């Protein structure tokens, strides 16, 4: 499976990215529940790209580590950056007058999460969802 790079510049790009994420997560073997989690993460991160940075890129990449398979979602922008990451990760905090559930929600929905940001240079958010061991065993039997 190939990684997929999505340019996020307009609202329609959000839905293209979600569709590509759905196809890739299905091919990896995620069930409906985890596939929906991944789609929500893609939605949150791409909307953040548009709202806070005027756009950016989303990378959807199959992941493999220690015999596990999964999907990594990485959002990058060259926007204003986040001056206080700890504050941005608090539930309810928002600079865009939203519910402030985006980044903390992404962290809760995925298994691994990291964020790097430099004020004036941009932000990179990377989150990975691992295929449950049970699902990996079932895929190997097929």
N, C-alpha and C. Protein backbone atom coordinates (compact mmCIF):
# COMPACT_ATOMS: atom_id res chain seq x y z
N UNK A 1 0.83 -1.18 0.00
CA UNK A 1 0.00 0.00 0.00
C UNK A 1 0.87 1.24 0.00
N UNK A 2 0.46 2.20 -0.76
CA UNK A 2 1.20 3.45 -0.90
C UNK A 2 0.67 4.51 0.04
N UNK A 3 1.56 5.39 0.47
CA UNK A 3 1.15 6.57 1.22
C UNK A 3 0.39 7.50 0.28
N UNK A 4 -0.49 8.29 0.84
CA UNK A 4 -1.30 9.23 0.07
C UNK A 4 -1.09 10.63 0.64
N UNK A 5 -0.72 11.57 -0.21
CA UNK A 5 -0.56 12.97 0.20
C UNK A 5 -1.74 13.75 -0.34
N UNK A 6 -2.39 14.51 0.53
CA UNK A 6 -3.54 15.32 0.14
C UNK A 6 -3.23 16.79 0.42
N UNK A 7 -3.34 17.62 -0.60
CA UNK A 7 -3.25 19.06 -0.40
C UNK A 7 -4.59 19.53 0.15
N UNK A 8 -4.54 20.30 1.22
CA UNK A 8 -5.77 20.80 1.85
C UNK A 8 -5.77 22.33 1.68
N UNK A 9 -6.54 22.79 0.71
CA UNK A 9 -6.62 24.23 0.43
C UNK A 9 -8.05 24.76 0.44
N UNK A 10 -9.01 23.84 0.22
CA UNK A 10 -10.43 24.22 0.16
C UNK A 10 -11.25 23.19 0.92
N UNK A 11 -12.47 23.55 1.22
CA UNK A 11 -13.37 22.66 1.97
C UNK A 11 -13.52 21.30 1.28
N UNK A 12 -13.60 21.27 -0.03
CA UNK A 12 -13.78 20.00 -0.74
C UNK A 12 -12.59 19.07 -0.52
N UNK A 13 -11.41 19.61 -0.28
CA UNK A 13 -10.23 18.78 -0.03
C UNK A 13 -10.38 17.96 1.23
N UNK A 14 -11.14 18.47 2.20
CA UNK A 14 -11.40 17.75 3.44
C UNK A 14 -12.07 16.41 3.12
N UNK A 15 -13.07 16.45 2.26
CA UNK A 15 -13.85 15.25 1.95
C UNK A 15 -13.09 14.29 1.04
N UNK A 16 -12.24 14.82 0.20
CA UNK A 16 -11.36 13.96 -0.61
C UNK A 16 -10.42 13.20 0.33
N UNK A 17 -9.85 13.90 1.31
CA UNK A 17 -8.94 13.27 2.26
C UNK A 17 -9.66 12.20 3.09
N UNK A 18 -10.88 12.49 3.51
CA UNK A 18 -11.65 11.50 4.28
C UNK A 18 -11.88 10.25 3.44
N UNK A 19 -12.25 10.42 2.18
CA UNK A 19 -12.48 9.26 1.30
C UNK A 19 -11.21 8.45 1.10
N UNK A 20 -10.09 9.13 0.93
CA UNK A 20 -8.82 8.41 0.77
C UNK A 20 -8.44 7.68 2.05
N UNK A 21 -8.68 8.32 3.19
CA UNK A 21 -8.41 7.67 4.47
C UNK A 21 -9.29 6.46 4.69
N UNK A 22 -10.55 6.56 4.28
CA UNK A 22 -11.48 5.43 4.39
C UNK A 22 -10.97 4.25 3.56
N UNK A 23 -10.56 4.53 2.33
CA UNK A 23 -10.08 3.46 1.45
C UNK A 23 -8.81 2.81 2.01
N UNK A 24 -7.89 3.61 2.49
CA UNK A 24 -6.64 3.07 3.01
C UNK A 24 -6.87 2.30 4.31
N UNK A 25 -7.70 2.81 5.19
CA UNK A 25 -7.96 2.10 6.46
C UNK A 25 -8.71 0.79 6.21
N UNK A 26 -9.56 0.76 5.20
CA UNK A 26 -10.24 -0.48 4.83
C UNK A 26 -9.23 -1.49 4.31
N UNK A 27 -8.33 -1.05 3.44
CA UNK A 27 -7.31 -1.94 2.88
C UNK A 27 -6.39 -2.50 3.96
N UNK A 28 -6.11 -1.71 5.00
CA UNK A 28 -5.26 -2.17 6.09
C UNK A 28 -5.99 -3.20 6.95
N UNK A 29 -7.32 -3.10 7.02
CA UNK A 29 -8.10 -4.09 7.76
C UNK A 29 -8.83 -3.56 8.98
N UNK A 30 -8.96 -2.25 9.12
CA UNK A 30 -9.67 -1.69 10.25
C UNK A 30 -11.16 -2.00 10.15
N UNK A 31 -11.79 -2.22 11.30
CA UNK A 31 -13.24 -2.44 11.32
C UNK A 31 -13.96 -1.09 11.21
N UNK A 32 -15.28 -1.14 11.15
CA UNK A 32 -16.08 0.08 10.97
C UNK A 32 -15.86 1.10 12.07
N UNK A 33 -15.72 0.64 13.29
CA UNK A 33 -15.56 1.56 14.42
C UNK A 33 -14.23 2.31 14.32
N UNK A 34 -13.13 1.58 14.14
CA UNK A 34 -11.83 2.24 14.04
C UNK A 34 -11.72 3.06 12.76
N UNK A 35 -12.35 2.60 11.70
CA UNK A 35 -12.35 3.39 10.44
C UNK A 35 -13.05 4.73 10.67
N UNK A 36 -14.14 4.71 11.41
CA UNK A 36 -14.85 5.95 11.72
C UNK A 36 -13.98 6.86 12.59
N UNK A 37 -13.28 6.29 13.55
CA UNK A 37 -12.36 7.08 14.38
C UNK A 37 -11.31 7.78 13.51
N UNK A 38 -10.76 7.04 12.58
CA UNK A 38 -9.74 7.60 11.68
C UNK A 38 -10.35 8.71 10.82
N UNK A 39 -11.55 8.51 10.33
CA UNK A 39 -12.22 9.54 9.52
C UNK A 39 -12.46 10.81 10.34
N UNK A 40 -12.84 10.67 11.60
CA UNK A 40 -13.04 11.84 12.47
C UNK A 40 -11.72 12.58 12.66
N UNK A 41 -10.64 11.84 12.86
CA UNK A 41 -9.32 12.45 13.01
C UNK A 41 -8.94 13.24 11.76
N UNK A 42 -9.17 12.64 10.60
CA UNK A 42 -8.88 13.34 9.34
C UNK A 42 -9.72 14.60 9.23
N UNK A 43 -10.99 14.52 9.57
CA UNK A 43 -11.87 15.68 9.54
C UNK A 43 -11.34 16.79 10.46
N UNK A 44 -11.02 16.44 11.69
CA UNK A 44 -10.53 17.44 12.66
C UNK A 44 -9.24 18.09 12.19
N UNK A 45 -8.29 17.28 11.76
CA UNK A 45 -6.99 17.83 11.38
C UNK A 45 -7.07 18.68 10.11
N UNK A 46 -7.87 18.25 9.14
CA UNK A 46 -7.97 19.05 7.91
C UNK A 46 -8.72 20.35 8.15
N UNK A 47 -9.73 20.31 9.00
CA UNK A 47 -10.44 21.56 9.33
C UNK A 47 -9.52 22.51 10.09
N UNK A 48 -8.67 21.97 10.95
CA UNK A 48 -7.69 22.81 11.63
C UNK A 48 -6.73 23.45 10.63
N UNK A 49 -6.30 22.68 9.65
CA UNK A 49 -5.41 23.24 8.62
C UNK A 49 -6.05 24.45 7.95
N UNK A 50 -7.32 24.32 7.59
CA UNK A 50 -8.01 25.42 6.93
C UNK A 50 -8.27 26.59 7.87
N UNK A 51 -8.74 26.29 9.08
CA UNK A 51 -9.15 27.36 10.01
C UNK A 51 -7.98 28.14 10.58
N UNK A 52 -6.88 27.46 10.86
CA UNK A 52 -5.78 28.10 11.58
C UNK A 52 -4.59 28.46 10.72
N UNK A 53 -4.43 27.79 9.58
CA UNK A 53 -3.23 28.02 8.77
C UNK A 53 -3.55 28.37 7.32
N UNK A 54 -4.82 28.39 6.96
CA UNK A 54 -5.18 28.67 5.57
C UNK A 54 -4.90 27.51 4.63
N UNK A 55 -4.59 26.33 5.19
CA UNK A 55 -4.34 25.14 4.37
C UNK A 55 -3.05 24.46 4.79
N UNK A 56 -2.76 23.38 4.12
CA UNK A 56 -1.56 22.60 4.43
C UNK A 56 -1.61 21.28 3.69
N UNK A 57 -0.95 20.28 4.24
CA UNK A 57 -0.94 18.96 3.63
C UNK A 57 -1.31 17.91 4.67
N UNK A 58 -1.91 16.84 4.18
CA UNK A 58 -2.25 15.70 5.01
C UNK A 58 -1.63 14.47 4.38
N UNK A 59 -0.84 13.75 5.16
CA UNK A 59 -0.22 12.52 4.70
C UNK A 59 -0.92 11.36 5.39
N UNK A 60 -1.37 10.39 4.61
CA UNK A 60 -1.96 9.16 5.11
C UNK A 60 -1.00 8.04 4.74
N UNK A 61 -0.47 7.36 5.76
CA UNK A 61 0.62 6.43 5.49
C UNK A 61 0.45 5.13 6.27
N UNK A 62 0.50 3.99 5.56
CA UNK A 62 0.49 2.72 6.29
C UNK A 62 1.68 2.67 7.24
N UNK A 63 1.48 2.12 8.42
CA UNK A 63 2.53 2.06 9.44
C UNK A 63 2.77 0.61 9.83
N UNK A 64 3.99 0.33 10.21
CA UNK A 64 4.35 -1.00 10.68
C UNK A 64 5.43 -0.85 11.75
N UNK A 65 5.21 -1.51 12.89
CA UNK A 65 6.17 -1.41 13.99
C UNK A 65 6.00 -2.61 14.90
N UNK A 66 7.08 -3.29 15.20
CA UNK A 66 7.06 -4.42 16.13
C UNK A 66 5.98 -5.44 15.77
N UNK A 67 5.82 -5.73 14.49
CA UNK A 67 4.83 -6.71 14.04
C UNK A 67 3.41 -6.20 13.99
N UNK A 68 3.22 -4.93 14.30
CA UNK A 68 1.87 -4.34 14.25
C UNK A 68 1.73 -3.54 12.96
N UNK A 69 0.51 -3.49 12.46
CA UNK A 69 0.20 -2.66 11.30
C UNK A 69 -0.79 -1.59 11.71
N UNK A 70 -0.73 -0.47 11.03
CA UNK A 70 -1.63 0.61 11.36
C UNK A 70 -1.64 1.68 10.29
N UNK A 71 -2.18 2.82 10.64
CA UNK A 71 -2.28 3.95 9.73
C UNK A 71 -1.85 5.21 10.48
N UNK A 72 -0.94 5.96 9.86
CA UNK A 72 -0.50 7.23 10.42
C UNK A 72 -1.12 8.36 9.61
N UNK A 73 -1.65 9.34 10.33
CA UNK A 73 -2.23 10.54 9.74
C UNK A 73 -1.35 11.70 10.20
N UNK A 74 -0.79 12.44 9.24
CA UNK A 74 0.08 13.56 9.59
C UNK A 74 -0.39 14.82 8.88
N UNK A 75 -0.67 15.85 9.66
CA UNK A 75 -1.08 17.15 9.13
C UNK A 75 0.07 18.13 9.33
N UNK A 76 0.43 18.86 8.25
CA UNK A 76 1.51 19.85 8.31
C UNK A 76 1.04 21.16 7.70
N UNK A 77 1.49 22.25 8.32
CA UNK A 77 1.18 23.55 7.75
C UNK A 77 2.35 24.50 7.97
N UNK A 78 2.28 25.62 7.30
CA UNK A 78 3.28 26.68 7.49
C UNK A 78 2.58 27.92 8.03
N UNK A 79 1.61 27.69 8.89
CA UNK A 79 0.82 28.78 9.46
C UNK A 79 1.51 29.45 10.63
N UNK A 80 0.73 30.10 11.47
CA UNK A 80 1.28 30.91 12.56
C UNK A 80 1.89 30.10 13.70
N UNK A 81 1.61 28.81 13.75
CA UNK A 81 2.12 27.99 14.85
C UNK A 81 1.26 28.12 16.09
N UNK A 82 1.55 27.28 17.06
CA UNK A 82 0.80 27.25 18.32
C UNK A 82 1.74 27.72 19.43
N UNK A 83 1.46 28.87 20.04
CA UNK A 83 2.37 29.39 21.06
C UNK A 83 2.41 28.56 22.35
N UNK A 84 1.31 27.91 22.70
CA UNK A 84 1.24 27.14 23.94
C UNK A 84 0.55 25.81 23.65
N UNK A 85 1.33 24.79 23.34
CA UNK A 85 0.77 23.48 22.98
C UNK A 85 -0.01 22.89 24.14
N UNK A 86 0.49 23.00 25.35
CA UNK A 86 -0.23 22.44 26.51
C UNK A 86 -1.62 23.06 26.63
N UNK A 87 -1.73 24.35 26.41
CA UNK A 87 -3.04 25.01 26.46
C UNK A 87 -3.92 24.53 25.31
N UNK A 88 -3.36 24.40 24.12
CA UNK A 88 -4.13 23.95 22.95
C UNK A 88 -4.64 22.52 23.13
N UNK A 89 -3.98 21.74 23.98
CA UNK A 89 -4.39 20.36 24.21
C UNK A 89 -5.42 20.22 25.33
N UNK A 90 -5.82 21.33 25.92
CA UNK A 90 -6.84 21.27 26.96
C UNK A 90 -8.22 21.28 26.34
N UNK A 91 -9.08 20.39 26.82
CA UNK A 91 -10.47 20.36 26.35
C UNK A 91 -11.10 21.72 26.60
N UNK A 92 -11.80 22.21 25.59
CA UNK A 92 -12.53 23.46 25.71
C UNK A 92 -11.76 24.68 25.26
N UNK A 93 -10.45 24.57 25.06
CA UNK A 93 -9.68 25.73 24.61
C UNK A 93 -9.80 25.87 23.10
N UNK A 94 -10.08 27.07 22.63
CA UNK A 94 -10.21 27.32 21.20
C UNK A 94 -9.85 28.76 20.88
N UNK A 95 -9.11 28.94 19.81
CA UNK A 95 -8.85 30.30 19.31
C UNK A 95 -9.76 30.61 18.13
N UNK A 96 -10.55 29.62 17.71
CA UNK A 96 -11.42 29.79 16.54
C UNK A 96 -12.90 29.78 16.92
N UNK A 97 -13.19 29.96 18.21
CA UNK A 97 -14.57 30.01 18.70
C UNK A 97 -15.34 28.73 18.38
N UNK A 98 -14.65 27.58 18.58
CA UNK A 98 -15.29 26.28 18.41
C UNK A 98 -15.37 25.62 19.78
N UNK A 99 -15.75 24.34 19.83
CA UNK A 99 -15.87 23.63 21.11
C UNK A 99 -14.52 23.34 21.76
N UNK A 100 -13.44 23.42 20.99
CA UNK A 100 -12.13 23.15 21.56
C UNK A 100 -11.90 21.69 21.86
N UNK A 101 -12.48 20.82 21.06
CA UNK A 101 -12.33 19.38 21.26
C UNK A 101 -11.43 18.73 20.22
N UNK A 102 -10.97 19.49 19.24
CA UNK A 102 -10.24 18.94 18.09
C UNK A 102 -8.97 18.19 18.44
N UNK A 103 -7.93 18.89 18.87
CA UNK A 103 -6.65 18.23 19.14
C UNK A 103 -6.74 17.24 20.30
N UNK A 104 -7.39 17.58 21.42
CA UNK A 104 -7.53 16.57 22.48
C UNK A 104 -8.33 15.34 22.00
N UNK A 105 -9.32 15.57 21.15
CA UNK A 105 -10.10 14.47 20.61
C UNK A 105 -9.28 13.57 19.71
N UNK A 106 -8.45 14.19 18.88
CA UNK A 106 -7.55 13.42 18.01
C UNK A 106 -6.66 12.53 18.88
N UNK A 107 -6.11 13.10 19.93
CA UNK A 107 -5.23 12.32 20.80
C UNK A 107 -5.97 11.14 21.42
N UNK A 108 -7.22 11.35 21.85
CA UNK A 108 -8.00 10.26 22.46
C UNK A 108 -8.38 9.18 21.45
N UNK A 109 -8.65 9.55 20.21
CA UNK A 109 -9.12 8.58 19.21
C UNK A 109 -8.00 7.70 18.65
N UNK A 110 -6.76 8.18 18.75
CA UNK A 110 -5.64 7.45 18.15
C UNK A 110 -4.80 6.82 19.26
N UNK A 111 -3.89 5.93 18.87
CA UNK A 111 -3.05 5.23 19.84
C UNK A 111 -1.77 5.99 20.14
N UNK A 112 -1.17 6.60 19.14
CA UNK A 112 0.04 7.40 19.31
C UNK A 112 -0.25 8.80 18.78
N UNK A 113 0.32 9.80 19.44
CA UNK A 113 0.04 11.19 19.07
C UNK A 113 1.25 12.05 19.40
N UNK A 114 1.60 12.95 18.47
CA UNK A 114 2.64 13.93 18.75
C UNK A 114 2.30 15.22 18.00
N UNK A 115 2.77 16.31 18.56
CA UNK A 115 2.56 17.61 17.94
C UNK A 115 3.83 18.43 18.13
N UNK A 116 4.24 19.08 17.06
CA UNK A 116 5.37 20.00 17.10
C UNK A 116 4.92 21.29 16.44
N UNK A 117 5.30 22.41 17.04
CA UNK A 117 4.89 23.68 16.48
C UNK A 117 5.92 24.75 16.79
N UNK A 118 6.15 25.61 15.81
CA UNK A 118 7.04 26.74 15.98
C UNK A 118 6.26 27.98 15.59
N UNK A 119 6.18 28.92 16.50
CA UNK A 119 5.46 30.16 16.22
C UNK A 119 6.10 30.83 15.00
N UNK A 120 5.25 31.17 14.05
CA UNK A 120 5.70 31.82 12.82
C UNK A 120 6.18 30.88 11.73
N UNK A 121 6.26 29.58 12.05
CA UNK A 121 6.78 28.63 11.06
C UNK A 121 5.81 27.49 10.73
N UNK A 122 4.93 27.15 11.65
CA UNK A 122 3.96 26.10 11.35
C UNK A 122 3.87 25.01 12.39
N UNK A 123 3.02 24.05 12.08
CA UNK A 123 2.68 22.97 13.01
C UNK A 123 2.65 21.64 12.27
N UNK A 124 3.06 20.59 12.97
CA UNK A 124 2.95 19.22 12.46
C UNK A 124 2.30 18.37 13.55
N UNK A 125 1.21 17.70 13.19
CA UNK A 125 0.53 16.79 14.10
C UNK A 125 0.60 15.41 13.47
N UNK A 126 1.03 14.42 14.25
CA UNK A 126 1.18 13.06 13.75
C UNK A 126 0.45 12.12 14.71
N UNK A 127 -0.45 11.30 14.16
CA UNK A 127 -1.22 10.38 14.99
C UNK A 127 -1.32 9.04 14.28
N UNK A 128 -1.16 7.97 15.04
CA UNK A 128 -1.21 6.62 14.47
C UNK A 128 -2.27 5.80 15.19
N UNK A 129 -3.03 5.06 14.40
CA UNK A 129 -3.99 4.08 14.92
C UNK A 129 -3.44 2.71 14.55
N UNK A 130 -3.31 1.84 15.55
CA UNK A 130 -2.80 0.49 15.31
C UNK A 130 -3.96 -0.48 15.17
N UNK A 131 -3.81 -1.38 14.23
CA UNK A 131 -4.79 -2.44 14.03
C UNK A 131 -4.77 -3.33 15.27
N UNK A 132 -5.92 -3.60 15.86
CA UNK A 132 -5.94 -4.48 17.04
C UNK A 132 -5.33 -5.84 16.71
N UNK A 133 -4.67 -6.45 17.68
CA UNK A 133 -4.00 -7.73 17.47
C UNK A 133 -4.98 -8.76 16.92
N UNK A 134 -6.20 -8.78 17.45
CA UNK A 134 -7.24 -9.72 16.99
C UNK A 134 -7.48 -9.57 15.49
N UNK A 135 -7.58 -8.36 15.01
CA UNK A 135 -7.83 -8.10 13.60
C UNK A 135 -6.65 -8.52 12.74
N UNK A 136 -5.43 -8.33 13.26
CA UNK A 136 -4.24 -8.74 12.50
C UNK A 136 -4.19 -10.26 12.35
N UNK A 137 -4.56 -10.97 13.42
CA UNK A 137 -4.59 -12.44 13.34
C UNK A 137 -5.60 -12.90 12.30
N UNK A 138 -6.78 -12.27 12.31
CA UNK A 138 -7.82 -12.64 11.35
C UNK A 138 -7.38 -12.39 9.92
N UNK A 139 -6.69 -11.28 9.67
CA UNK A 139 -6.21 -10.96 8.33
C UNK A 139 -5.17 -11.97 7.86
N UNK A 140 -4.34 -12.45 8.77
CA UNK A 140 -3.29 -13.42 8.40
C UNK A 140 -3.90 -14.75 7.99
N UNK A 141 -5.06 -15.10 8.62
CA UNK A 141 -5.72 -16.36 8.29
C UNK A 141 -6.34 -16.34 6.89
N UNK A 142 -6.67 -15.14 6.41
CA UNK A 142 -7.35 -15.04 5.10
C UNK A 142 -6.46 -15.35 3.96
